[in-house]
Amino acid sequence: MAAPVIPWTGAAPSRRITPHDDAPPEAMTMTLTTTRTTKRISPDWPCQVKNPGSYDWERSAAKWLRELVPARYASYPALIRHPVLLARHAQIQVQQEVRVARTALQTARADLPGLGLPESVIEHTIKLYAAEVLQLQHIARSVRAVTQALIEHGHGR
């Protein structure tokens, strides 16, 4: 007997299909698994943050933003009470990190040989800095998206 296939997907079921006692093969039962999908607001919207308007989305936004700032800032009462203020500080923090990574990238070829590092380590470090700049730029866009959503949903007051 060929492996059963879920007709509308062409995929095999997640669990073995078994006939009930004397039931004909057409009367088999299948357990289907589905994955919960949510519509992303934009490609820059962080997956750790729930969609605006959904239950507890502000809490998920604040939690994500706190991960982007130094721990001491995340504990300040004003930043806890006003997520949009936390978002502003996260924007500044990430902008500075982008500047640092760019400077490290721009100066690596000239500065690193003076440290006695092998060429292979220098090349790897340059690639690392370039990847970090791209990652930080993506995070900066994500922070802007979350900040804008907080403002639009009245959390700037």
N, C-alpha and C. Protein backbone atom coordinates (compact mmCIF):
# COMPACT_ATOMS: atom_id res chain seq x y z
N MET A 1 0.84 -1.18 0.00
CA MET A 1 0.00 0.00 0.00
C MET A 1 0.89 1.24 0.00
N ALA A 2 0.61 2.18 -0.89
CA ALA A 2 1.40 3.40 -1.00
C ALA A 2 1.16 4.29 0.22
N ALA A 3 2.15 5.11 0.51
CA ALA A 3 2.00 6.05 1.63
C ALA A 3 0.88 7.03 1.35
N PRO A 4 -0.01 7.25 2.30
CA PRO A 4 -1.12 8.18 2.08
C PRO A 4 -0.62 9.61 1.94
N VAL A 5 -1.40 10.37 1.20
CA VAL A 5 -1.05 11.77 0.95
C VAL A 5 -2.27 12.62 1.25
N ILE A 6 -2.06 13.78 1.85
CA ILE A 6 -3.15 14.71 2.10
C ILE A 6 -3.47 15.36 0.76
N PRO A 7 -4.68 15.16 0.24
CA PRO A 7 -5.00 15.56 -1.13
C PRO A 7 -4.68 17.00 -1.49
N TRP A 8 -5.07 17.98 -0.70
CA TRP A 8 -4.92 19.37 -1.10
C TRP A 8 -3.52 19.92 -0.91
N THR A 9 -2.63 19.15 -0.23
CA THR A 9 -1.27 19.65 -0.04
C THR A 9 -0.23 18.82 -0.75
N GLY A 10 -0.53 17.56 -1.01
CA GLY A 10 0.44 16.66 -1.60
C GLY A 10 1.45 16.17 -0.59
N ALA A 11 1.26 16.49 0.69
CA ALA A 11 2.20 16.11 1.74
C ALA A 11 1.67 14.90 2.50
N ALA A 12 2.59 14.19 3.10
CA ALA A 12 2.21 13.07 3.95
C ALA A 12 1.67 13.61 5.27
N PRO A 13 0.74 12.92 5.91
CA PRO A 13 0.21 13.40 7.19
C PRO A 13 1.29 13.34 8.26
N SER A 14 1.07 14.08 9.34
CA SER A 14 2.06 14.15 10.41
C SER A 14 2.10 12.88 11.25
N ARG A 15 1.04 12.11 11.24
CA ARG A 15 0.99 10.85 11.97
C ARG A 15 0.53 9.76 11.04
N ARG A 16 0.80 8.56 11.41
CA ARG A 16 0.42 7.42 10.60
C ARG A 16 -1.10 7.32 10.50
N ILE A 17 -1.55 7.04 9.30
CA ILE A 17 -2.98 6.86 9.08
C ILE A 17 -3.30 5.40 9.35
N THR A 18 -4.29 5.16 10.19
CA THR A 18 -4.68 3.79 10.50
C THR A 18 -6.16 3.61 10.28
N PRO A 19 -6.55 2.47 9.65
CA PRO A 19 -7.98 2.23 9.46
C PRO A 19 -8.63 1.84 10.78
N HIS A 20 -9.89 2.20 10.92
CA HIS A 20 -10.67 1.81 12.10
C HIS A 20 -11.19 0.40 11.88
N ASP A 21 -10.88 -0.49 12.77
CA ASP A 21 -11.32 -1.89 12.74
C ASP A 21 -11.59 -2.41 11.33
N ASP A 22 -12.85 -2.55 10.98
CA ASP A 22 -13.23 -3.13 9.70
C ASP A 22 -13.61 -2.07 8.68
N ALA A 23 -13.28 -0.85 8.94
CA ALA A 23 -13.67 0.23 8.04
C ALA A 23 -12.90 0.13 6.73
N PRO A 24 -13.53 0.52 5.63
CA PRO A 24 -12.82 0.52 4.35
C PRO A 24 -11.71 1.56 4.36
N PRO A 25 -10.71 1.41 3.48
CA PRO A 25 -9.59 2.35 3.47
C PRO A 25 -10.02 3.81 3.33
N GLU A 26 -11.15 4.07 2.67
CA GLU A 26 -11.61 5.44 2.50
C GLU A 26 -12.02 6.08 3.82
N ALA A 27 -12.30 5.25 4.82
CA ALA A 27 -12.79 5.77 6.11
C ALA A 27 -11.66 5.98 7.11
N MET A 28 -10.44 6.09 6.64
CA MET A 28 -9.31 6.31 7.54
C MET A 28 -9.36 7.72 8.12
N THR A 29 -8.83 7.87 9.31
CA THR A 29 -8.77 9.19 9.92
C THR A 29 -7.34 9.69 9.89
N MET A 30 -7.20 10.99 9.80
CA MET A 30 -5.88 11.59 9.78
C MET A 30 -5.82 12.71 10.80
N THR A 31 -4.69 12.84 11.45
CA THR A 31 -4.44 13.96 12.33
C THR A 31 -3.58 14.94 11.55
N LEU A 32 -4.06 16.14 11.40
CA LEU A 32 -3.32 17.15 10.66
C LEU A 32 -2.69 18.13 11.64
N THR A 33 -1.52 18.56 11.30
CA THR A 33 -0.90 19.60 12.11
C THR A 33 -0.88 20.87 11.28
N THR A 34 -1.13 21.96 11.93
CA THR A 34 -1.06 23.25 11.26
C THR A 34 -0.10 24.13 12.03
N THR A 35 0.51 25.01 11.32
CA THR A 35 1.37 25.98 11.99
C THR A 35 0.65 27.31 12.02
N ARG A 36 0.78 27.99 13.13
CA ARG A 36 0.14 29.29 13.28
C ARG A 36 0.98 30.32 12.56
N THR A 37 0.36 31.03 11.67
CA THR A 37 1.09 32.07 10.97
C THR A 37 0.44 33.41 11.27
N THR A 38 1.26 34.41 11.31
CA THR A 38 0.74 35.75 11.50
C THR A 38 1.29 36.61 10.37
N LYS A 39 0.52 37.56 9.97
CA LYS A 39 0.95 38.47 8.92
C LYS A 39 1.98 39.42 9.50
N ARG A 40 3.12 39.51 8.84
CA ARG A 40 4.14 40.45 9.28
C ARG A 40 3.80 41.84 8.80
N ILE A 41 4.05 42.80 9.63
CA ILE A 41 3.75 44.19 9.31
C ILE A 41 4.66 44.67 8.19
N SER A 42 5.93 44.39 8.32
CA SER A 42 6.92 44.75 7.31
C SER A 42 8.09 43.79 7.44
N PRO A 43 8.95 43.75 6.43
CA PRO A 43 10.11 42.86 6.53
C PRO A 43 11.03 43.24 7.70
N ASP A 44 10.93 44.47 8.14
CA ASP A 44 11.78 44.94 9.23
C ASP A 44 11.18 44.69 10.61
N TRP A 45 9.92 44.25 10.66
CA TRP A 45 9.28 44.04 11.96
C TRP A 45 9.96 42.86 12.66
N PRO A 46 10.43 43.06 13.90
CA PRO A 46 11.13 41.97 14.60
C PRO A 46 10.19 40.82 14.96
N CYS A 47 10.63 39.61 14.73
CA CYS A 47 9.79 38.44 15.00
C CYS A 47 9.52 38.27 16.50
N GLN A 48 10.31 38.88 17.35
CA GLN A 48 10.12 38.78 18.80
C GLN A 48 8.99 39.67 19.31
N VAL A 49 8.51 40.57 18.45
CA VAL A 49 7.49 41.53 18.86
C VAL A 49 6.17 41.16 18.20
N LYS A 50 5.14 41.07 19.03
CA LYS A 50 3.80 40.78 18.51
C LYS A 50 3.31 41.94 17.65
N ASN A 51 2.35 41.65 16.80
CA ASN A 51 1.79 42.70 15.93
C ASN A 51 1.05 43.76 16.76
N PRO A 52 1.18 45.03 16.38
CA PRO A 52 0.46 46.09 17.09
C PRO A 52 -1.04 45.80 17.12
N GLY A 53 -1.62 46.06 18.27
CA GLY A 53 -3.05 45.83 18.44
C GLY A 53 -3.37 44.46 18.98
N SER A 54 -2.41 43.52 18.89
CA SER A 54 -2.66 42.19 19.43
C SER A 54 -2.43 42.22 20.94
N TYR A 55 -2.94 41.20 21.61
CA TYR A 55 -2.84 41.13 23.06
C TYR A 55 -1.38 41.20 23.50
N ASP A 56 -1.07 42.10 24.40
CA ASP A 56 0.25 42.18 25.04
C ASP A 56 1.38 42.57 24.09
N TRP A 57 1.04 43.19 22.97
CA TRP A 57 2.09 43.51 22.02
C TRP A 57 3.07 44.54 22.57
N GLU A 58 2.56 45.50 23.37
CA GLU A 58 3.44 46.51 23.93
C GLU A 58 4.48 45.90 24.86
N ARG A 59 4.05 44.89 25.63
CA ARG A 59 4.99 44.21 26.53
C ARG A 59 6.07 43.50 25.73
N SER A 60 5.68 42.85 24.62
CA SER A 60 6.68 42.16 23.80
C SER A 60 7.63 43.17 23.16
N ALA A 61 7.11 44.35 22.78
CA ALA A 61 7.95 45.40 22.21
C ALA A 61 8.95 45.90 23.25
N ALA A 62 8.47 46.18 24.45
CA ALA A 62 9.35 46.69 25.52
C ALA A 62 10.41 45.66 25.87
N LYS A 63 10.02 44.40 25.93
CA LYS A 63 11.00 43.35 26.25
C LYS A 63 12.10 43.30 25.20
N TRP A 64 11.71 43.36 23.92
CA TRP A 64 12.70 43.34 22.83
C TRP A 64 13.59 44.58 22.89
N LEU A 65 12.99 45.74 23.11
CA LEU A 65 13.77 46.98 23.16
C LEU A 65 14.76 46.97 24.33
N ARG A 66 14.34 46.41 25.48
CA ARG A 66 15.25 46.35 26.64
C ARG A 66 16.51 45.54 26.32
N GLU A 67 16.39 44.57 25.42
CA GLU A 67 17.56 43.76 25.05
C GLU A 67 18.57 44.55 24.23
N LEU A 68 18.16 45.70 23.71
CA LEU A 68 19.04 46.49 22.85
C LEU A 68 19.78 47.60 23.58
N VAL A 69 19.42 47.85 24.82
CA VAL A 69 20.07 48.92 25.58
C VAL A 69 20.84 48.31 26.75
N PRO A 70 21.82 49.05 27.27
CA PRO A 70 22.54 48.55 28.45
C PRO A 70 21.55 48.25 29.59
N ALA A 71 21.84 47.24 30.35
CA ALA A 71 20.93 46.77 31.41
C ALA A 71 20.54 47.89 32.37
N ARG A 72 21.45 48.77 32.70
CA ARG A 72 21.12 49.82 33.67
C ARG A 72 20.03 50.75 33.13
N TYR A 73 20.00 51.00 31.83
CA TYR A 73 18.96 51.84 31.24
C TYR A 73 17.60 51.16 31.29
N ALA A 74 17.59 49.87 31.07
CA ALA A 74 16.33 49.12 31.04
C ALA A 74 15.63 49.13 32.39
N SER A 75 16.35 49.46 33.47
CA SER A 75 15.73 49.46 34.79
C SER A 75 15.26 50.86 35.23
N TYR A 76 15.51 51.88 34.43
CA TYR A 76 15.07 53.23 34.80
C TYR A 76 13.55 53.32 34.73
N PRO A 77 12.91 53.84 35.79
CA PRO A 77 11.45 53.90 35.83
C PRO A 77 10.81 54.61 34.64
N ALA A 78 11.39 55.71 34.17
CA ALA A 78 10.80 56.44 33.04
C ALA A 78 10.80 55.58 31.78
N LEU A 79 11.85 54.81 31.59
CA LEU A 79 11.92 53.95 30.41
C LEU A 79 10.98 52.75 30.53
N ILE A 80 10.73 52.33 31.76
CA ILE A 80 9.78 51.22 31.98
C ILE A 80 8.35 51.70 31.74
N ARG A 81 8.02 52.87 32.24
CA ARG A 81 6.65 53.39 32.11
C ARG A 81 6.30 53.86 30.71
N HIS A 82 7.29 54.28 29.95
CA HIS A 82 7.05 54.86 28.63
C HIS A 82 7.86 54.10 27.57
N PRO A 83 7.28 53.06 27.00
CA PRO A 83 8.01 52.26 26.00
C PRO A 83 8.53 53.08 24.82
N VAL A 84 7.84 54.16 24.45
CA VAL A 84 8.31 54.97 23.33
C VAL A 84 9.62 55.67 23.70
N LEU A 85 9.80 56.01 24.96
CA LEU A 85 11.06 56.59 25.42
C LEU A 85 12.18 55.54 25.37
N LEU A 86 11.84 54.32 25.75
CA LEU A 86 12.79 53.21 25.64
C LEU A 86 13.16 53.00 24.18
N ALA A 87 12.18 53.09 23.29
CA ALA A 87 12.43 52.93 21.86
C ALA A 87 13.38 54.02 21.34
N ARG A 88 13.16 55.24 21.80
CA ARG A 88 14.04 56.34 21.40
C ARG A 88 15.48 56.06 21.82
N HIS A 89 15.63 55.61 23.06
CA HIS A 89 16.99 55.33 23.52
C HIS A 89 17.60 54.15 22.75
N ALA A 90 16.79 53.16 22.43
CA ALA A 90 17.29 52.02 21.65
C ALA A 90 17.75 52.49 20.27
N GLN A 91 17.00 53.43 19.67
CA GLN A 91 17.42 53.97 18.37
C GLN A 91 18.79 54.62 18.47
N ILE A 92 18.99 55.43 19.48
CA ILE A 92 20.27 56.11 19.67
C ILE A 92 21.38 55.09 19.90
N GLN A 93 21.09 54.10 20.73
CA GLN A 93 22.07 53.06 21.05
C GLN A 93 22.50 52.31 19.79
N VAL A 94 21.53 51.88 19.00
CA VAL A 94 21.84 51.11 17.79
C VAL A 94 22.56 51.98 16.77
N GLN A 95 22.18 53.26 16.64
CA GLN A 95 22.89 54.17 15.73
C GLN A 95 24.37 54.26 16.10
N GLN A 96 24.65 54.35 17.39
CA GLN A 96 26.04 54.41 17.84
C GLN A 96 26.78 53.10 17.54
N GLU A 97 26.09 51.98 17.72
CA GLU A 97 26.72 50.69 17.42
C GLU A 97 27.03 50.56 15.93
N VAL A 98 26.14 51.09 15.08
CA VAL A 98 26.41 51.08 13.63
C VAL A 98 27.66 51.91 13.35
N ARG A 99 27.76 53.08 13.97
CA ARG A 99 28.94 53.93 13.76
C ARG A 99 30.23 53.23 14.20
N VAL A 100 30.17 52.56 15.33
CA VAL A 100 31.35 51.84 15.84
C VAL A 100 31.74 50.73 14.87
N ALA A 101 30.77 49.95 14.42
CA ALA A 101 31.07 48.84 13.50
C ALA A 101 31.61 49.36 12.17
N ARG A 102 31.05 50.48 11.68
CA ARG A 102 31.57 51.07 10.43
C ARG A 102 33.02 51.54 10.61
N THR A 103 33.28 52.19 11.72
CA THR A 103 34.65 52.66 11.98
C THR A 103 35.61 51.48 12.06
N ALA A 104 35.21 50.43 12.76
CA ALA A 104 36.05 49.24 12.86
C ALA A 104 36.31 48.64 11.48
N LEU A 105 35.27 48.61 10.64
CA LEU A 105 35.41 48.08 9.29
C LEU A 105 36.34 48.95 8.45
N GLN A 106 36.15 50.27 8.52
CA GLN A 106 36.93 51.19 7.70
C GLN A 106 38.40 51.24 8.09
N THR A 107 38.69 50.98 9.35
CA THR A 107 40.08 51.10 9.81
C THR A 107 40.80 49.75 9.95
N ALA A 108 40.08 48.67 9.78
CA ALA A 108 40.66 47.34 10.01
C ALA A 108 41.86 47.05 9.13
N ARG A 109 41.75 47.32 7.84
CA ARG A 109 42.83 46.99 6.90
C ARG A 109 44.12 47.73 7.27
N ALA A 110 44.00 48.96 7.77
CA ALA A 110 45.20 49.74 8.13
C ALA A 110 45.70 49.42 9.53
N ASP A 111 44.79 49.18 10.48
CA ASP A 111 45.18 49.03 11.88
C ASP A 111 45.57 47.61 12.29
N LEU A 112 44.88 46.62 11.78
CA LEU A 112 45.08 45.26 12.27
C LEU A 112 46.45 44.66 11.96
N PRO A 113 47.07 44.95 10.81
CA PRO A 113 48.42 44.39 10.59
C PRO A 113 49.42 44.84 11.65
N GLY A 114 49.24 46.04 12.18
CA GLY A 114 50.13 46.55 13.23
C GLY A 114 50.02 45.77 14.54
N LEU A 115 48.96 44.98 14.68
CA LEU A 115 48.79 44.16 15.88
C LEU A 115 49.46 42.80 15.74
N GLY A 116 50.09 42.58 14.57
CA GLY A 116 50.78 41.32 14.35
C GLY A 116 49.86 40.16 14.01
N LEU A 117 48.67 40.45 13.53
CA LEU A 117 47.71 39.41 13.19
C LEU A 117 47.97 38.85 11.80
N PRO A 118 47.77 37.55 11.63
CA PRO A 118 47.93 36.95 10.29
C PRO A 118 46.87 37.51 9.33
N GLU A 119 47.20 37.51 8.04
CA GLU A 119 46.30 38.04 7.02
C GLU A 119 44.95 37.33 7.04
N SER A 120 44.93 36.02 7.30
CA SER A 120 43.66 35.28 7.33
C SER A 120 42.74 35.78 8.45
N VAL A 121 43.33 36.13 9.59
CA VAL A 121 42.54 36.66 10.71
C VAL A 121 42.01 38.05 10.37
N ILE A 122 42.83 38.84 9.72
CA ILE A 122 42.41 40.18 9.32
C ILE A 122 41.24 40.10 8.34
N GLU A 123 41.35 39.22 7.33
CA GLU A 123 40.27 39.05 6.35
C GLU A 123 38.98 38.57 7.04
N HIS A 124 39.11 37.63 7.95
CA HIS A 124 37.94 37.13 8.67
C HIS A 124 37.31 38.26 9.50
N THR A 125 38.13 39.06 10.14
CA THR A 125 37.64 40.15 10.96
C THR A 125 36.91 41.20 10.12
N ILE A 126 37.43 41.49 8.95
CA ILE A 126 36.78 42.44 8.04
C ILE A 126 35.41 41.93 7.63
N LYS A 127 35.33 40.65 7.31
CA LYS A 127 34.04 40.05 6.95
C LYS A 127 33.07 40.10 8.14
N LEU A 128 33.61 39.86 9.32
CA LEU A 128 32.78 39.92 10.53
C LEU A 128 32.21 41.32 10.72
N TYR A 129 33.07 42.35 10.58
CA TYR A 129 32.61 43.73 10.74
C TYR A 129 31.56 44.09 9.68
N ALA A 130 31.78 43.66 8.44
CA ALA A 130 30.82 43.96 7.37
C ALA A 130 29.47 43.32 7.67
N ALA A 131 29.48 42.08 8.14
CA ALA A 131 28.22 41.40 8.49
C ALA A 131 27.55 42.09 9.67
N GLU A 132 28.33 42.55 10.62
CA GLU A 132 27.78 43.24 11.79
C GLU A 132 27.13 44.56 11.39
N VAL A 133 27.73 45.29 10.48
CA VAL A 133 27.13 46.55 10.01
C VAL A 133 25.76 46.26 9.39
N LEU A 134 25.68 45.24 8.54
CA LEU A 134 24.40 44.88 7.92
C LEU A 134 23.36 44.48 8.96
N GLN A 135 23.77 43.66 9.93
CA GLN A 135 22.85 43.22 10.98
C GLN A 135 22.35 44.41 11.81
N LEU A 136 23.25 45.30 12.17
CA LEU A 136 22.87 46.46 12.96
C LEU A 136 21.96 47.40 12.18
N GLN A 137 22.19 47.54 10.88
CA GLN A 137 21.31 48.36 10.06
C GLN A 137 19.89 47.77 10.04
N HIS A 138 19.81 46.45 9.98
CA HIS A 138 18.49 45.80 10.02
C HIS A 138 17.82 46.04 11.37
N ILE A 139 18.58 45.91 12.45
CA ILE A 139 18.03 46.17 13.79
C ILE A 139 17.56 47.62 13.89
N ALA A 140 18.32 48.54 13.33
CA ALA A 140 17.93 49.96 13.38
C ALA A 140 16.59 50.17 12.66
N ARG A 141 16.41 49.51 11.52
CA ARG A 141 15.12 49.63 10.81
C ARG A 141 14.00 49.02 11.65
N SER A 142 14.30 47.92 12.33
CA SER A 142 13.29 47.28 13.19
C SER A 142 12.90 48.18 14.36
N VAL A 143 13.87 48.83 14.96
CA VAL A 143 13.58 49.74 16.06
C VAL A 143 12.72 50.90 15.57
N ARG A 144 13.03 51.41 14.38
CA ARG A 144 12.20 52.50 13.83
C ARG A 144 10.76 52.03 13.61
N ALA A 145 10.59 50.82 13.12
CA ALA A 145 9.24 50.29 12.88
C ALA A 145 8.46 50.15 14.19
N VAL A 146 9.12 49.63 15.22
CA VAL A 146 8.47 49.47 16.53
C VAL A 146 8.17 50.83 17.13
N THR A 147 9.10 51.75 17.03
CA THR A 147 8.88 53.11 17.55
C THR A 147 7.66 53.75 16.89
N GLN A 148 7.60 53.65 15.58
CA GLN A 148 6.47 54.23 14.85
C GLN A 148 5.15 53.59 15.29
N ALA A 149 5.14 52.29 15.48
CA ALA A 149 3.92 51.61 15.93
C ALA A 149 3.53 52.05 17.34
N LEU A 150 4.50 52.22 18.21
CA LEU A 150 4.19 52.71 19.56
C LEU A 150 3.58 54.10 19.51
N ILE A 151 4.12 54.96 18.67
CA ILE A 151 3.59 56.32 18.54
C ILE A 151 2.17 56.27 17.99
N GLU A 152 1.96 55.48 16.94
CA GLU A 152 0.64 55.40 16.31
C GLU A 152 -0.43 54.81 17.23
N HIS A 153 -0.02 53.97 18.16
CA HIS A 153 -0.97 53.35 19.08
C HIS A 153 -1.07 54.10 20.41
N GLY A 154 -0.60 55.35 20.41
CA GLY A 154 -0.83 56.21 21.56
C GLY A 154 0.06 55.97 22.76
N HIS A 155 1.24 55.36 22.55
CA HIS A 155 2.11 55.12 23.70
C HIS A 155 3.21 56.16 23.79
N GLY A 156 3.04 57.25 23.03
CA GLY A 156 4.01 58.33 23.11
C GLY A 156 3.63 59.37 24.15
N ARG A 157 2.49 59.18 24.80
CA ARG A 157 2.02 60.17 25.78
C ARG A 157 2.64 59.97 27.13
